[in-house]
Amino acid sequence: MQQLPGEGNRLHKHPNVAECWVILKGKWKWFIEGQGDMEVSEGSIVNVPKNTFHQITCIGNEPGIRFAVTAPDVEHVYK
């Protein structure tokens, strides 16, 4: 998934599935419930346990690319 600086997603969780992201390009800000905010960049791997609220935003001056490893048709619950 590619996003421009300032783009991201809304705070949400996946009740039954964990999610793993591989950061391929750019700089990202993550909020993960219970862990707080963190910044990650190319080469980082981010793990989000199932049923954990999280939010992702592309930051910096260039588009970012992230790759999700998860199950198909994952349920999203938004806060």
PDB file of N, CA and C in Angstrom:
ATOM      1  N   MET A   1       0.850  -1.161   0.000  1.00  0.00           N
ATOM      2  CA  MET A   1       0.000   0.000   0.000  1.00  0.00           C
ATOM      3  C   MET A   1       0.901   1.231   0.000  1.00  0.00           C
ATOM      4  N   GLN A   2       0.617   2.175  -0.903  1.00  0.00           N
ATOM      5  CA  GLN A   2       1.359   3.437  -0.940  1.00  0.00           C
ATOM      6  C   GLN A   2       0.469   4.566  -0.455  1.00  0.00           C
ATOM      7  N   GLN A   3       1.034   5.456   0.372  1.00  0.00           N
ATOM      8  CA  GLN A   3       0.296   6.625   0.841  1.00  0.00           C
ATOM      9  C   GLN A   3       1.214   7.835   0.844  1.00  0.00           C
ATOM     10  N   LEU A   4       0.605   9.003   0.657  1.00  0.00           N
ATOM     11  CA  LEU A   4       1.330  10.264   0.667  1.00  0.00           C
ATOM     12  C   LEU A   4       1.506  10.751   2.098  1.00  0.00           C
ATOM     13  N   PRO A   5       2.481  11.641   2.339  1.00  0.00           N
ATOM     14  CA  PRO A   5       2.629  12.205   3.676  1.00  0.00           C
ATOM     15  C   PRO A   5       1.316  12.803   4.175  1.00  0.00           C
ATOM     16  N   GLY A   6       0.971  12.493   5.407  1.00  0.00           N
ATOM     17  CA  GLY A   6      -0.279  12.969   6.000  1.00  0.00           C
ATOM     18  C   GLY A   6      -1.432  11.999   5.849  1.00  0.00           C
ATOM     19  N   GLU A   7      -1.318  11.051   4.919  1.00  0.00           N
ATOM     20  CA  GLU A   7      -2.378  10.053   4.740  1.00  0.00           C
ATOM     21  C   GLU A   7      -2.171   8.889   5.708  1.00  0.00           C
ATOM     22  N   GLY A   8      -3.252   8.195   5.998  1.00  0.00           N
ATOM     23  CA  GLY A   8      -3.186   7.036   6.877  1.00  0.00           C
ATOM     24  C   GLY A   8      -4.547   6.407   7.016  1.00  0.00           C
ATOM     25  N   ASN A   9      -4.798   5.820   8.169  1.00  0.00           N
ATOM     26  CA  ASN A   9      -6.104   5.213   8.402  1.00  0.00           C
ATOM     27  C   ASN A   9      -6.659   5.663   9.748  1.00  0.00           C
ATOM     28  N   ARG A  10      -7.905   5.327   9.975  1.00  0.00           N
ATOM     29  CA  ARG A  10      -8.565   5.670  11.243  1.00  0.00           C
ATOM     30  C   ARG A  10      -8.205   4.640  12.307  1.00  0.00           C
ATOM     31  N   LEU A  11      -8.348   5.052  13.557  1.00  0.00           N
ATOM     32  CA  LEU A  11      -8.095   4.158  14.681  1.00  0.00           C
ATOM     33  C   LEU A  11      -9.042   2.959  14.580  1.00  0.00           C
ATOM     34  N   HIS A  12      -8.482   1.758  14.593  1.00  0.00           N
ATOM     35  CA  HIS A  12      -9.292   0.551  14.425  1.00  0.00           C
ATOM     36  C   HIS A  12      -8.582  -0.654  15.034  1.00  0.00           C
ATOM     37  N   LYS A  13      -9.314  -1.777  15.077  1.00  0.00           N
ATOM     38  CA  LYS A  13      -8.735  -3.045  15.519  1.00  0.00           C
ATOM     39  C   LYS A  13      -9.331  -4.180  14.703  1.00  0.00           C
ATOM     40  N   HIS A  14      -8.680  -5.335  14.776  1.00  0.00           N
ATOM     41  CA  HIS A  14      -9.146  -6.566  14.141  1.00  0.00           C
ATOM     42  C   HIS A  14      -9.377  -7.569  15.274  1.00  0.00           C
ATOM     43  N   PRO A  15     -10.638  -7.832  15.632  1.00  0.00           N
ATOM     44  CA  PRO A  15     -10.940  -8.640  16.820  1.00  0.00           C
ATOM     45  C   PRO A  15     -10.340 -10.044  16.829  1.00  0.00           C
ATOM     46  N   ASN A  16     -10.212 -10.667  15.662  1.00  0.00           N
ATOM     47  CA  ASN A  16      -9.834 -12.079  15.639  1.00  0.00           C
ATOM     48  C   ASN A  16      -8.518 -12.387  14.946  1.00  0.00           C
ATOM     49  N   VAL A  17      -7.812 -11.349  14.474  1.00  0.00           N
ATOM     50  CA  VAL A  17      -6.621 -11.587  13.660  1.00  0.00           C
ATOM     51  C   VAL A  17      -5.514 -10.599  14.028  1.00  0.00           C
ATOM     52  N   ALA A  18      -4.300 -11.105  14.205  1.00  0.00           N
ATOM     53  CA  ALA A  18      -3.130 -10.237  14.358  1.00  0.00           C
ATOM     54  C   ALA A  18      -2.738  -9.719  12.974  1.00  0.00           C
ATOM     55  N   GLU A  19      -1.923  -8.671  12.959  1.00  0.00           N
ATOM     56  CA  GLU A  19      -1.510  -8.066  11.695  1.00  0.00           C
ATOM     57  C   GLU A  19      -0.025  -7.725  11.791  1.00  0.00           C
ATOM     58  N   CYS A  20       0.688  -7.931  10.707  1.00  0.00           N
ATOM     59  CA  CYS A  20       2.106  -7.609  10.644  1.00  0.00           C
ATOM     60  C   CYS A  20       2.341  -6.739   9.410  1.00  0.00           C
ATOM     61  N   TRP A  21       3.124  -5.687   9.576  1.00  0.00           N
ATOM     62  CA  TRP A  21       3.431  -4.781   8.470  1.00  0.00           C
ATOM     63  C   TRP A  21       4.932  -4.742   8.242  1.00  0.00           C
ATOM     64  N   VAL A  22       5.344  -4.787   6.972  1.00  0.00           N
ATOM     65  CA  VAL A  22       6.734  -4.601   6.577  1.00  0.00           C
ATOM     66  C   VAL A  22       6.819  -3.230   5.915  1.00  0.00           C
ATOM     67  N   ILE A  23       7.710  -2.382   6.410  1.00  0.00           N
ATOM     68  CA  ILE A  23       7.858  -1.033   5.875  1.00  0.00           C
ATOM     69  C   ILE A  23       8.883  -1.080   4.742  1.00  0.00           C
ATOM     70  N   LEU A  24       8.423  -0.779   3.527  1.00  0.00           N
ATOM     71  CA  LEU A  24       9.276  -0.851   2.347  1.00  0.00           C
ATOM     72  C   LEU A  24       9.885   0.492   1.970  1.00  0.00           C
ATOM     73  N   LYS A  25       9.204   1.592   2.318  1.00  0.00           N
ATOM     74  CA  LYS A  25       9.699   2.913   1.932  1.00  0.00           C
ATOM     75  C   LYS A  25       9.054   3.969   2.821  1.00  0.00           C
ATOM     76  N   GLY A  26       9.796   5.034   3.087  1.00  0.00           N
ATOM     77  CA  GLY A  26       9.241   6.182   3.784  1.00  0.00           C
ATOM     78  C   GLY A  26       9.309   6.067   5.292  1.00  0.00           C
ATOM     79  N   LYS A  27       8.645   7.009   5.916  1.00  0.00           N
ATOM     80  CA  LYS A  27       8.618   7.134   7.370  1.00  0.00           C
ATOM     81  C   LYS A  27       7.158   7.116   7.809  1.00  0.00           C
ATOM     82  N   TRP A  28       6.865   6.369   8.875  1.00  0.00           N
ATOM     83  CA  TRP A  28       5.495   6.178   9.335  1.00  0.00           C
ATOM     84  C   TRP A  28       5.398   6.407  10.832  1.00  0.00           C
ATOM     85  N   LYS A  29       4.260   6.925  11.269  1.00  0.00           N
ATOM     86  CA  LYS A  29       3.958   7.038  12.692  1.00  0.00           C
ATOM     87  C   LYS A  29       2.861   6.020  12.989  1.00  0.00           C
ATOM     88  N   TRP A  30       3.090   5.202  14.003  1.00  0.00           N
ATOM     89  CA  TRP A  30       2.127   4.191  14.426  1.00  0.00           C
ATOM     90  C   TRP A  30       1.677   4.486  15.840  1.00  0.00           C
ATOM     91  N   PHE A  31       0.404   4.326  16.079  1.00  0.00           N
ATOM     92  CA  PHE A  31      -0.108   4.262  17.442  1.00  0.00           C
ATOM     93  C   PHE A  31      -0.609   2.849  17.630  1.00  0.00           C
ATOM     94  N   ILE A  32      -0.135   2.185  18.675  1.00  0.00           N
ATOM     95  CA  ILE A  32      -0.600   0.844  19.014  1.00  0.00           C
ATOM     96  C   ILE A  32      -1.038   0.873  20.470  1.00  0.00           C
ATOM     97  N   GLU A  33      -2.291   0.500  20.700  1.00  0.00           N
ATOM     98  CA  GLU A  33      -2.855   0.485  22.054  1.00  0.00           C
ATOM     99  C   GLU A  33      -1.932  -0.286  23.002  1.00  0.00           C
ATOM    100  N   GLY A  34      -1.634   0.317  24.146  1.00  0.00           N
ATOM    101  CA  GLY A  34      -0.770  -0.317  25.128  1.00  0.00           C
ATOM    102  C   GLY A  34       0.711  -0.063  24.906  1.00  0.00           C
ATOM    103  N   GLN A  35       1.075   0.463  23.718  1.00  0.00           N
ATOM    104  CA  GLN A  35       2.475   0.746  23.404  1.00  0.00           C
ATOM    105  C   GLN A  35       2.709   2.227  23.120  1.00  0.00           C
ATOM    106  N   GLY A  36       1.652   2.939  22.745  1.00  0.00           N
ATOM    107  CA  GLY A  36       1.784   4.360  22.439  1.00  0.00           C
ATOM    108  C   GLY A  36       2.243   4.613  21.014  1.00  0.00           C
ATOM    109  N   ASP A  37       2.822   5.799  20.793  1.00  0.00           N
ATOM    110  CA  ASP A  37       3.280   6.204  19.462  1.00  0.00           C
ATOM    111  C   ASP A  37       4.704   5.722  19.214  1.00  0.00           C
ATOM    112  N   MET A  38       4.991   5.406  17.951  1.00  0.00           N
ATOM    113  CA  MET A  38       6.357   5.099  17.549  1.00  0.00           C
ATOM    114  C   MET A  38       6.529   5.468  16.085  1.00  0.00           C
ATOM    115  N   GLU A  39       7.762   5.788  15.707  1.00  0.00           N
ATOM    116  CA  GLU A  39       8.082   6.073  14.318  1.00  0.00           C
ATOM    117  C   GLU A  39       8.892   4.920  13.767  1.00  0.00           C
ATOM    118  N   VAL A  40       8.572   4.529  12.535  1.00  0.00           N
ATOM    119  CA  VAL A  40       9.289   3.442  11.874  1.00  0.00           C
ATOM    120  C   VAL A  40       9.639   3.880  10.456  1.00  0.00           C
ATOM    121  N   SER A  41      10.620   3.192   9.874  1.00  0.00           N
ATOM    122  CA  SER A  41      11.040   3.525   8.517  1.00  0.00           C
ATOM    123  C   SER A  41      11.435   2.249   7.779  1.00  0.00           C
ATOM    124  N   GLU A  42      11.945   2.426   6.568  1.00  0.00           N
ATOM    125  CA  GLU A  42      12.289   1.313   5.688  1.00  0.00           C
ATOM    126  C   GLU A  42      13.045   0.210   6.432  1.00  0.00           C
ATOM    127  N   GLY A  43      12.577  -1.022   6.251  1.00  0.00           N
ATOM    128  CA  GLY A  43      13.200  -2.175   6.883  1.00  0.00           C
ATOM    129  C   GLY A  43      12.566  -2.587   8.201  1.00  0.00           C
ATOM    130  N   SER A  44      11.706  -1.741   8.747  1.00  0.00           N
ATOM    131  CA  SER A  44      11.046  -2.057  10.018  1.00  0.00           C
ATOM    132  C   SER A  44       9.922  -3.067   9.812  1.00  0.00           C
ATOM    133  N   ILE A  45       9.659  -3.835  10.847  1.00  0.00           N
ATOM    134  CA  ILE A  45       8.522  -4.751  10.877  1.00  0.00           C
ATOM    135  C   ILE A  45       7.694  -4.386  12.104  1.00  0.00           C
ATOM    136  N   VAL A  46       6.394  -4.204  11.900  1.00  0.00           N
ATOM    137  CA  VAL A  46       5.497  -3.801  12.982  1.00  0.00           C
ATOM    138  C   VAL A  46       4.462  -4.903  13.184  1.00  0.00           C
ATOM    139  N   ASN A  47       4.363  -5.398  14.404  1.00  0.00           N
ATOM    140  CA  ASN A  47       3.378  -6.429  14.744  1.00  0.00           C
ATOM    141  C   ASN A  47       2.280  -5.826  15.602  1.00  0.00           C
ATOM    142  N   VAL A  48       1.046  -6.096  15.235  1.00  0.00           N
ATOM    143  CA  VAL A  48      -0.104  -5.623  16.004  1.00  0.00           C
ATOM    144  C   VAL A  48      -0.903  -6.852  16.444  1.00  0.00           C
ATOM    145  N   PRO A  49      -0.988  -7.109  17.748  1.00  0.00           N
ATOM    146  CA  PRO A  49      -1.756  -8.260  18.227  1.00  0.00           C
ATOM    147  C   PRO A  49      -3.245  -8.132  17.882  1.00  0.00           C
ATOM    148  N   LYS A  50      -3.919  -9.260  17.793  1.00  0.00           N
ATOM    149  CA  LYS A  50      -5.357  -9.215  17.528  1.00  0.00           C
ATOM    150  C   LYS A  50      -6.068  -8.432  18.627  1.00  0.00           C
ATOM    151  N   ASN A  51      -7.179  -7.818  18.262  1.00  0.00           N
ATOM    152  CA  ASN A  51      -8.040  -7.068  19.181  1.00  0.00           C
ATOM    153  C   ASN A  51      -7.322  -5.879  19.839  1.00  0.00           C
ATOM    154  N   THR A  52      -6.372  -5.276  19.122  1.00  0.00           N
ATOM    155  CA  THR A  52      -5.598  -4.137  19.623  1.00  0.00           C
ATOM    156  C   THR A  52      -5.819  -2.937  18.705  1.00  0.00           C
ATOM    157  N   PHE A  53      -6.295  -1.828  19.267  1.00  0.00           N
ATOM    158  CA  PHE A  53      -6.489  -0.630  18.454  1.00  0.00           C
ATOM    159  C   PHE A  53      -5.142  -0.110  17.950  1.00  0.00           C
ATOM    160  N   HIS A  54      -5.133   0.342  16.696  1.00  0.00           N
ATOM    161  CA  HIS A  54      -3.931   0.908  16.096  1.00  0.00           C
ATOM    162  C   HIS A  54      -4.309   1.889  14.990  1.00  0.00           C
ATOM    163  N   GLN A  55      -3.372   2.774  14.687  1.00  0.00           N
ATOM    164  CA  GLN A  55      -3.565   3.790  13.647  1.00  0.00           C
ATOM    165  C   GLN A  55      -2.214   4.060  13.002  1.00  0.00           C
ATOM    166  N   ILE A  56      -2.225   4.291  11.693  1.00  0.00           N
ATOM    167  CA  ILE A  56      -1.003   4.441  10.919  1.00  0.00           C
ATOM    168  C   ILE A  56      -1.087   5.732  10.113  1.00  0.00           C
ATOM    169  N   THR A  57       0.008   6.518  10.103  1.00  0.00           N
ATOM    170  CA  THR A  57       0.062   7.747   9.315  1.00  0.00           C
ATOM    171  C   THR A  57       1.426   7.846   8.648  1.00  0.00           C
ATOM    172  N   CYS A  58       1.430   8.145   7.358  1.00  0.00           N
ATOM    173  CA  CYS A  58       2.674   8.389   6.635  1.00  0.00           C
ATOM    174  C   CYS A  58       3.175   9.782   7.019  1.00  0.00           C
ATOM    175  N   ILE A  59       4.430   9.874   7.437  1.00  0.00           N
ATOM    176  CA  ILE A  59       5.011  11.168   7.810  1.00  0.00           C
ATOM    177  C   ILE A  59       6.278  11.388   6.980  1.00  0.00           C
ATOM    178  N   GLY A  60       6.843  12.551   7.055  1.00  0.00           N
ATOM    179  CA  GLY A  60       8.044  12.846   6.280  1.00  0.00           C
ATOM    180  C   GLY A  60       7.691  13.608   5.016  1.00  0.00           C
ATOM    181  N   ASN A  61       8.600  13.584   4.052  1.00  0.00           N
ATOM    182  CA  ASN A  61       8.444  14.388   2.834  1.00  0.00           C
ATOM    183  C   ASN A  61       8.205  13.583   1.571  1.00  0.00           C
ATOM    184  N   GLU A  62       8.111  12.271   1.677  1.00  0.00           N
ATOM    185  CA  GLU A  62       7.917  11.447   0.482  1.00  0.00           C
ATOM    186  C   GLU A  62       6.850  10.391   0.741  1.00  0.00           C
ATOM    187  N   PRO A  63       6.282   9.840  -0.331  1.00  0.00           N
ATOM    188  CA  PRO A  63       5.302   8.767  -0.151  1.00  0.00           C
ATOM    189  C   PRO A  63       5.940   7.579   0.573  1.00  0.00           C
ATOM    190  N   GLY A  64       5.110   6.852   1.289  1.00  0.00           N
ATOM    191  CA  GLY A  64       5.570   5.656   1.973  1.00  0.00           C
ATOM    192  C   GLY A  64       4.882   4.425   1.407  1.00  0.00           C
ATOM    193  N   ILE A  65       5.558   3.291   1.519  1.00  0.00           N
ATOM    194  CA  ILE A  65       4.985   2.022   1.063  1.00  0.00           C
ATOM    195  C   ILE A  65       5.095   1.026   2.213  1.00  0.00           C
ATOM    196  N   ARG A  66       3.967   0.375   2.525  1.00  0.00           N
ATOM    197  CA  ARG A  66       3.930  -0.646   3.575  1.00  0.00           C
ATOM    198  C   ARG A  66       3.196  -1.868   3.037  1.00  0.00           C
ATOM    199  N   PHE A  67       3.589  -3.036   3.506  1.00  0.00           N
ATOM    200  CA  PHE A  67       3.045  -4.306   3.037  1.00  0.00           C
ATOM    201  C   PHE A  67       2.456  -5.053   4.226  1.00  0.00           C
ATOM    202  N   ALA A  68       1.183  -5.408   4.125  1.00  0.00           N
ATOM    203  CA  ALA A  68       0.496  -6.097   5.222  1.00  0.00           C
ATOM    204  C   ALA A  68       0.589  -7.611   5.068  1.00  0.00           C
ATOM    205  N   VAL A  69       0.796  -8.281   6.205  1.00  0.00           N
ATOM    206  CA  VAL A  69       0.734  -9.735   6.272  1.00  0.00           C
ATOM    207  C   VAL A  69      -0.371 -10.056   7.267  1.00  0.00           C
ATOM    208  N   THR A  70      -1.483 -10.573   6.751  1.00  0.00           N
ATOM    209  CA  THR A  70      -2.645 -10.846   7.590  1.00  0.00           C
ATOM    210  C   THR A  70      -3.556 -11.841   6.868  1.00  0.00           C
ATOM    211  N   ALA A  71      -4.681 -12.129   7.439  1.00  0.00           N
ATOM    212  CA  ALA A  71      -5.659 -13.032   6.824  1.00  0.00           C
ATOM    213  C   ALA A  71      -6.547 -12.257   5.843  1.00  0.00           C
ATOM    214  N   PRO A  72      -7.148 -12.945   4.875  1.00  0.00           N
ATOM    215  CA  PRO A  72      -8.069 -12.262   3.962  1.00  0.00           C
ATOM    216  C   PRO A  72      -9.372 -11.878   4.668  1.00  0.00           C
ATOM    217  N   ASP A  73     -10.021 -10.858   4.149  1.00  0.00           N
ATOM    218  CA  ASP A  73     -11.335 -10.422   4.650  1.00  0.00           C
ATOM    219  C   ASP A  73     -11.345 -10.176   6.158  1.00  0.00           C
ATOM    220  N   VAL A  74     -10.366  -9.429   6.625  1.00  0.00           N
ATOM    221  CA  VAL A  74     -10.236  -9.128   8.053  1.00  0.00           C
ATOM    222  C   VAL A  74     -11.312  -8.136   8.483  1.00  0.00           C
ATOM    223  N   GLU A  75     -11.958  -8.427   9.611  1.00  0.00           N
ATOM    224  CA  GLU A  75     -12.963  -7.514  10.168  1.00  0.00           C
ATOM    225  C   GLU A  75     -12.273  -6.292  10.771  1.00  0.00           C
ATOM    226  N   HIS A  76     -12.801  -5.097  10.463  1.00  0.00           N
ATOM    227  CA  HIS A  76     -12.315  -3.843  11.030  1.00  0.00           C
ATOM    228  C   HIS A  76     -13.366  -3.291  11.988  1.00  0.00           C
ATOM    229  N   VAL A  77     -12.952  -2.933  13.196  1.00  0.00           N
ATOM    230  CA  VAL A  77     -13.820  -2.273  14.168  1.00  0.00           C
ATOM    231  C   VAL A  77     -13.205  -0.903  14.425  1.00  0.00           C
ATOM    232  N   TYR A  78     -13.946   0.158  14.069  1.00  0.00           N
ATOM    233  CA  TYR A  78     -13.429   1.524  14.201  1.00  0.00           C
ATOM    234  C   TYR A  78     -13.864   2.145  15.511  1.00  0.00           C
ATOM    235  N   LYS A  79     -13.004   2.981  16.058  1.00  0.00           N
ATOM    236  CA  LYS A  79     -13.294   3.673  17.308  1.00  0.00           C
ATOM    237  C   LYS A  79     -13.768   5.077  16.997  1.00  0.00           C
TER     238      LYS A  79
END
